[in-house]
N, C-alpha and C. Protein backbone atom coordinates (compact mmCIF):
# COMPACT_ATOMS: atom_id res chain seq x y z
N MET A 1 97.82 105.67 147.76
CA MET A 1 97.00 105.16 146.68
C MET A 1 97.13 106.02 145.42
N LEU A 2 97.12 107.34 145.60
CA LEU A 2 97.27 108.24 144.46
C LEU A 2 98.64 108.08 143.82
N GLU A 3 99.65 107.88 144.65
CA GLU A 3 101.01 107.70 144.14
C GLU A 3 101.08 106.47 143.22
N LYS A 4 100.43 105.40 143.61
CA LYS A 4 100.42 104.18 142.81
C LYS A 4 99.75 104.42 141.46
N LYS A 5 98.63 105.14 141.49
CA LYS A 5 97.92 105.45 140.24
C LYS A 5 98.76 106.34 139.33
N LEU A 6 99.46 107.31 139.93
CA LEU A 6 100.31 108.20 139.13
C LEU A 6 101.45 107.43 138.47
N LYS A 7 102.00 106.46 139.17
CA LYS A 7 103.06 105.64 138.59
C LYS A 7 102.54 104.82 137.40
N ILE A 8 101.34 104.31 137.53
CA ILE A 8 100.74 103.54 136.43
C ILE A 8 100.45 104.46 135.25
N ILE A 9 99.93 105.66 135.53
CA ILE A 9 99.65 106.63 134.47
C ILE A 9 100.94 107.01 133.75
N ALA A 10 102.00 107.28 134.51
CA ALA A 10 103.29 107.63 133.90
C ALA A 10 103.80 106.48 133.03
N SER A 11 103.69 105.27 133.52
CA SER A 11 104.16 104.11 132.77
C SER A 11 103.38 103.92 131.47
N PHE A 12 102.06 104.04 131.55
CA PHE A 12 101.24 103.89 130.35
C PHE A 12 101.47 105.03 129.37
N THR A 13 101.71 106.22 129.89
CA THR A 13 101.95 107.37 129.01
C THR A 13 103.25 107.19 128.25
N LEU A 14 104.31 106.81 128.94
CA LEU A 14 105.60 106.60 128.26
C LEU A 14 105.53 105.41 127.30
N ALA A 15 104.78 104.40 127.67
CA ALA A 15 104.59 103.25 126.77
C ALA A 15 103.84 103.68 125.51
N SER A 16 102.88 104.56 125.67
CA SER A 16 102.14 105.08 124.51
C SER A 16 103.07 105.85 123.58
N ILE A 17 103.93 106.67 124.16
CA ILE A 17 104.89 107.43 123.36
C ILE A 17 105.79 106.47 122.58
N ALA A 18 106.30 105.45 123.25
CA ALA A 18 107.17 104.48 122.58
C ALA A 18 106.43 103.78 121.44
N SER A 19 105.19 103.41 121.66
CA SER A 19 104.40 102.74 120.62
C SER A 19 104.12 103.65 119.44
N ILE A 20 103.81 104.90 119.72
CA ILE A 20 103.55 105.87 118.65
C ILE A 20 104.80 106.08 117.81
N LEU A 21 105.94 106.24 118.48
CA LEU A 21 107.19 106.44 117.75
C LEU A 21 107.53 105.21 116.90
N PHE A 22 107.32 104.02 117.46
CA PHE A 22 107.56 102.80 116.69
C PHE A 22 106.65 102.74 115.47
N LEU A 23 105.36 102.98 115.66
CA LEU A 23 104.42 102.90 114.54
C LEU A 23 104.74 103.92 113.45
N THR A 24 105.13 105.11 113.86
CA THR A 24 105.49 106.14 112.88
C THR A 24 106.70 105.68 112.07
N PHE A 25 107.73 105.23 112.79
CA PHE A 25 108.94 104.75 112.11
C PHE A 25 108.63 103.55 111.22
N ALA A 26 107.93 102.56 111.76
CA ALA A 26 107.66 101.33 111.01
C ALA A 26 106.80 101.58 109.78
N THR A 27 105.87 102.51 109.88
CA THR A 27 105.00 102.83 108.74
C THR A 27 105.82 103.39 107.59
N ILE A 28 106.68 104.33 107.89
CA ILE A 28 107.49 104.94 106.84
C ILE A 28 108.58 103.98 106.36
N TYR A 29 109.23 103.32 107.30
CA TYR A 29 110.31 102.38 106.96
C TYR A 29 109.81 101.26 106.06
N SER A 30 108.61 100.76 106.34
CA SER A 30 108.09 99.64 105.54
C SER A 30 107.79 100.05 104.10
N GLU A 31 107.61 101.33 103.86
CA GLU A 31 107.40 101.79 102.49
C GLU A 31 108.70 101.82 101.69
N PHE A 32 109.83 101.93 102.37
CA PHE A 32 111.13 101.98 101.71
C PHE A 32 111.88 100.65 101.75
N ASN A 33 111.52 99.79 102.68
CA ASN A 33 112.25 98.54 102.87
C ASN A 33 111.31 97.35 102.63
N LYS A 34 111.34 96.85 101.41
CA LYS A 34 110.45 95.74 101.04
C LYS A 34 110.67 94.49 101.89
N PRO A 35 111.92 94.11 102.21
CA PRO A 35 112.10 92.91 103.06
C PRO A 35 111.42 93.05 104.43
N PHE A 36 111.45 94.24 105.00
CA PHE A 36 110.78 94.46 106.29
C PHE A 36 109.26 94.29 106.14
N LYS A 37 108.72 94.90 105.10
CA LYS A 37 107.27 94.79 104.86
C LYS A 37 106.88 93.34 104.56
N ASP A 38 107.71 92.66 103.77
CA ASP A 38 107.44 91.24 103.46
C ASP A 38 107.50 90.38 104.72
N TRP A 39 108.46 90.67 105.60
CA TRP A 39 108.56 89.92 106.85
C TRP A 39 107.30 90.12 107.69
N LEU A 40 106.80 91.36 107.75
CA LEU A 40 105.56 91.62 108.49
C LEU A 40 104.40 90.82 107.91
N VAL A 41 104.32 90.79 106.58
CA VAL A 41 103.24 90.04 105.92
C VAL A 41 103.37 88.54 106.18
N LEU A 42 104.58 88.01 106.04
CA LEU A 42 104.79 86.57 106.25
C LEU A 42 104.53 86.16 107.70
N THR A 43 104.90 87.02 108.62
CA THR A 43 104.77 86.68 110.03
C THR A 43 103.36 86.89 110.57
N PHE A 44 102.71 87.97 110.11
CA PHE A 44 101.42 88.36 110.70
C PHE A 44 100.26 88.38 109.70
N ASN A 45 100.50 87.94 108.47
CA ASN A 45 99.50 87.89 107.40
C ASN A 45 99.18 89.24 106.78
N HIS A 46 99.51 90.34 107.42
CA HIS A 46 99.32 91.67 106.84
C HIS A 46 100.26 92.62 107.56
N HIS A 47 100.84 93.55 106.80
CA HIS A 47 101.83 94.44 107.42
C HIS A 47 101.23 95.34 108.50
N TRP A 48 99.97 95.74 108.35
CA TRP A 48 99.36 96.57 109.39
C TRP A 48 99.12 95.77 110.67
N VAL A 49 98.72 94.52 110.52
CA VAL A 49 98.54 93.66 111.69
C VAL A 49 99.87 93.48 112.40
N GLY A 50 100.93 93.26 111.63
CA GLY A 50 102.26 93.08 112.20
C GLY A 50 102.71 94.30 112.99
N LYS A 51 102.52 95.48 112.40
CA LYS A 51 102.91 96.70 113.11
C LYS A 51 102.08 96.87 114.38
N GLY A 52 100.81 96.52 114.30
CA GLY A 52 99.95 96.63 115.48
C GLY A 52 100.36 95.68 116.59
N VAL A 53 100.65 94.44 116.23
CA VAL A 53 101.08 93.46 117.24
C VAL A 53 102.39 93.90 117.88
N LEU A 54 103.34 94.33 117.06
CA LEU A 54 104.62 94.78 117.60
C LEU A 54 104.45 96.02 118.48
N ALA A 55 103.55 96.92 118.10
CA ALA A 55 103.29 98.11 118.91
C ALA A 55 102.71 97.74 120.27
N VAL A 56 101.81 96.76 120.29
CA VAL A 56 101.23 96.30 121.56
C VAL A 56 102.31 95.67 122.44
N VAL A 57 103.18 94.87 121.84
CA VAL A 57 104.28 94.26 122.60
C VAL A 57 105.18 95.35 123.18
N ILE A 58 105.55 96.32 122.35
CA ILE A 58 106.38 97.43 122.82
C ILE A 58 105.67 98.17 123.95
N PHE A 59 104.37 98.41 123.80
CA PHE A 59 103.62 99.11 124.84
C PHE A 59 103.73 98.39 126.18
N PHE A 60 103.45 97.10 126.19
CA PHE A 60 103.46 96.37 127.46
C PHE A 60 104.86 96.22 128.04
N VAL A 61 105.86 96.01 127.20
CA VAL A 61 107.23 95.89 127.69
C VAL A 61 107.68 97.21 128.33
N VAL A 62 107.46 98.32 127.63
CA VAL A 62 107.86 99.63 128.18
C VAL A 62 107.07 99.95 129.44
N ALA A 63 105.76 99.69 129.43
CA ALA A 63 104.93 99.99 130.60
C ALA A 63 105.39 99.21 131.82
N ILE A 64 105.64 97.93 131.65
CA ILE A 64 106.06 97.10 132.79
C ILE A 64 107.44 97.51 133.28
N LEU A 65 108.38 97.71 132.36
CA LEU A 65 109.73 98.11 132.77
C LEU A 65 109.72 99.46 133.48
N HIS A 66 108.96 100.40 132.94
CA HIS A 66 108.90 101.72 133.59
C HIS A 66 108.23 101.63 134.95
N TRP A 67 107.16 100.86 135.04
CA TRP A 67 106.47 100.73 136.32
C TRP A 67 107.40 100.11 137.37
N LEU A 68 108.14 99.08 136.99
CA LEU A 68 109.09 98.46 137.93
C LEU A 68 110.17 99.46 138.34
N ALA A 69 110.65 100.25 137.40
CA ALA A 69 111.68 101.25 137.72
C ALA A 69 111.13 102.37 138.59
N SER A 70 109.84 102.67 138.45
CA SER A 70 109.26 103.79 139.20
C SER A 70 108.89 103.43 140.63
N LEU A 71 108.97 102.16 141.00
CA LEU A 71 108.60 101.76 142.36
C LEU A 71 109.45 102.45 143.42
N LYS A 72 110.67 102.82 143.06
CA LYS A 72 111.57 103.45 144.02
C LYS A 72 111.59 104.97 143.91
N MET A 73 110.78 105.53 143.01
CA MET A 73 110.78 106.99 142.82
C MET A 73 110.04 107.69 143.96
N HIS A 74 110.48 108.89 144.27
CA HIS A 74 109.84 109.73 145.27
C HIS A 74 108.50 110.23 144.71
N PRO A 75 107.45 110.34 145.54
CA PRO A 75 106.13 110.76 145.06
C PRO A 75 106.12 112.10 144.32
N ILE A 76 106.92 113.06 144.77
CA ILE A 76 106.96 114.36 144.10
C ILE A 76 107.54 114.21 142.70
N ALA A 77 108.57 113.40 142.57
CA ALA A 77 109.17 113.16 141.26
C ALA A 77 108.17 112.49 140.32
N VAL A 78 107.34 111.62 140.85
CA VAL A 78 106.34 110.93 140.03
C VAL A 78 105.32 111.93 139.50
N ASP A 79 104.83 112.83 140.35
CA ASP A 79 103.84 113.82 139.95
C ASP A 79 104.38 114.71 138.83
N THR A 80 105.60 115.17 138.98
CA THR A 80 106.23 116.01 137.95
C THR A 80 106.42 115.22 136.66
N LYS A 81 106.83 113.98 136.79
CA LYS A 81 107.07 113.13 135.62
C LYS A 81 105.77 112.87 134.85
N VAL A 82 104.68 112.67 135.57
CA VAL A 82 103.39 112.41 134.92
C VAL A 82 102.98 113.62 134.08
N ARG A 83 103.13 114.81 134.64
CA ARG A 83 102.76 116.02 133.90
C ARG A 83 103.59 116.16 132.63
N ARG A 84 104.89 115.99 132.76
CA ARG A 84 105.77 116.09 131.59
C ARG A 84 105.45 115.00 130.57
N ALA A 85 105.19 113.81 131.05
CA ALA A 85 104.90 112.70 130.15
C ALA A 85 103.61 112.93 129.37
N LEU A 86 102.58 113.44 130.03
CA LEU A 86 101.31 113.69 129.35
C LEU A 86 101.45 114.80 128.31
N ILE A 87 102.19 115.84 128.62
CA ILE A 87 102.44 116.90 127.64
C ILE A 87 103.23 116.33 126.46
N SER A 88 104.23 115.51 126.77
CA SER A 88 105.03 114.89 125.71
C SER A 88 104.18 113.98 124.83
N LEU A 89 103.28 113.23 125.44
CA LEU A 89 102.39 112.35 124.68
C LEU A 89 101.54 113.16 123.71
N PHE A 90 101.02 114.27 124.17
CA PHE A 90 100.20 115.14 123.31
C PHE A 90 101.02 115.64 122.12
N ILE A 91 102.23 116.13 122.40
CA ILE A 91 103.09 116.68 121.34
C ILE A 91 103.51 115.58 120.37
N VAL A 92 103.93 114.44 120.89
CA VAL A 92 104.37 113.33 120.03
C VAL A 92 103.21 112.84 119.16
N SER A 93 102.02 112.77 119.71
CA SER A 93 100.85 112.33 118.93
C SER A 93 100.58 113.26 117.75
N ILE A 94 100.61 114.55 118.01
CA ILE A 94 100.38 115.53 116.94
C ILE A 94 101.48 115.44 115.88
N LEU A 95 102.73 115.43 116.33
CA LEU A 95 103.86 115.39 115.38
C LEU A 95 103.87 114.10 114.57
N ALA A 96 103.62 112.98 115.21
CA ALA A 96 103.62 111.69 114.49
C ALA A 96 102.51 111.67 113.44
N THR A 97 101.36 112.19 113.79
CA THR A 97 100.25 112.26 112.84
C THR A 97 100.63 113.10 111.63
N LEU A 98 101.22 114.26 111.90
CA LEU A 98 101.63 115.15 110.81
C LEU A 98 102.71 114.51 109.94
N VAL A 99 103.64 113.81 110.56
CA VAL A 99 104.71 113.15 109.81
C VAL A 99 104.13 112.07 108.89
N VAL A 100 103.25 111.24 109.40
CA VAL A 100 102.68 110.17 108.57
C VAL A 100 101.81 110.75 107.45
N ILE A 101 100.98 111.72 107.78
CA ILE A 101 100.14 112.35 106.75
C ILE A 101 101.02 113.02 105.70
N GLY A 102 102.01 113.76 106.15
CA GLY A 102 102.93 114.42 105.22
C GLY A 102 103.65 113.43 104.34
N PHE A 103 104.12 112.35 104.93
CA PHE A 103 104.81 111.32 104.16
C PHE A 103 103.91 110.76 103.07
N PHE A 104 102.68 110.39 103.42
CA PHE A 104 101.82 109.77 102.42
C PHE A 104 101.34 110.77 101.37
N ILE A 105 101.23 112.04 101.71
CA ILE A 105 100.92 113.05 100.69
C ILE A 105 102.08 113.12 99.69
N LEU A 106 103.30 113.20 100.21
CA LEU A 106 104.47 113.24 99.33
C LEU A 106 104.63 111.94 98.54
N HIS A 107 104.30 110.83 99.18
CA HIS A 107 104.36 109.52 98.51
C HIS A 107 103.34 109.46 97.38
N PHE A 108 102.14 109.96 97.63
CA PHE A 108 101.08 109.99 96.62
C PHE A 108 101.48 110.88 95.44
N MET A 109 102.18 111.97 95.75
CA MET A 109 102.61 112.91 94.70
C MET A 109 103.87 112.42 93.99
N LYS A 110 104.33 111.22 94.34
CA LYS A 110 105.52 110.59 93.73
C LYS A 110 106.81 111.35 94.04
N ILE A 111 106.83 112.09 95.14
CA ILE A 111 108.05 112.77 95.57
C ILE A 111 108.94 111.78 96.30
N PHE A 112 108.33 110.83 97.00
CA PHE A 112 109.07 109.75 97.66
C PHE A 112 108.74 108.45 96.98
């Protein structure tokens, strides 16, 4: 039972990392690429809604694919993977936040 929960935790953690990386990239990219931002607006009525919807889709696709792939993993490998994934999630969250804040500070200062 614990092994099953660990596999789900690992899958959700990696899916979170993928979603965070996508949102960070899409946020900055949409500021430089007007056609991408316009496509988000046309498709989802607002670029933030579009990025959010795409992030949710990425989250579920990565979570399901990882969970299916992890069904054959050894329990010890799963435990180690969960620990690494959670540490990675923490680091990626901090770095992505700093990147977006830094970008918008520089954007506000007209450096970008």
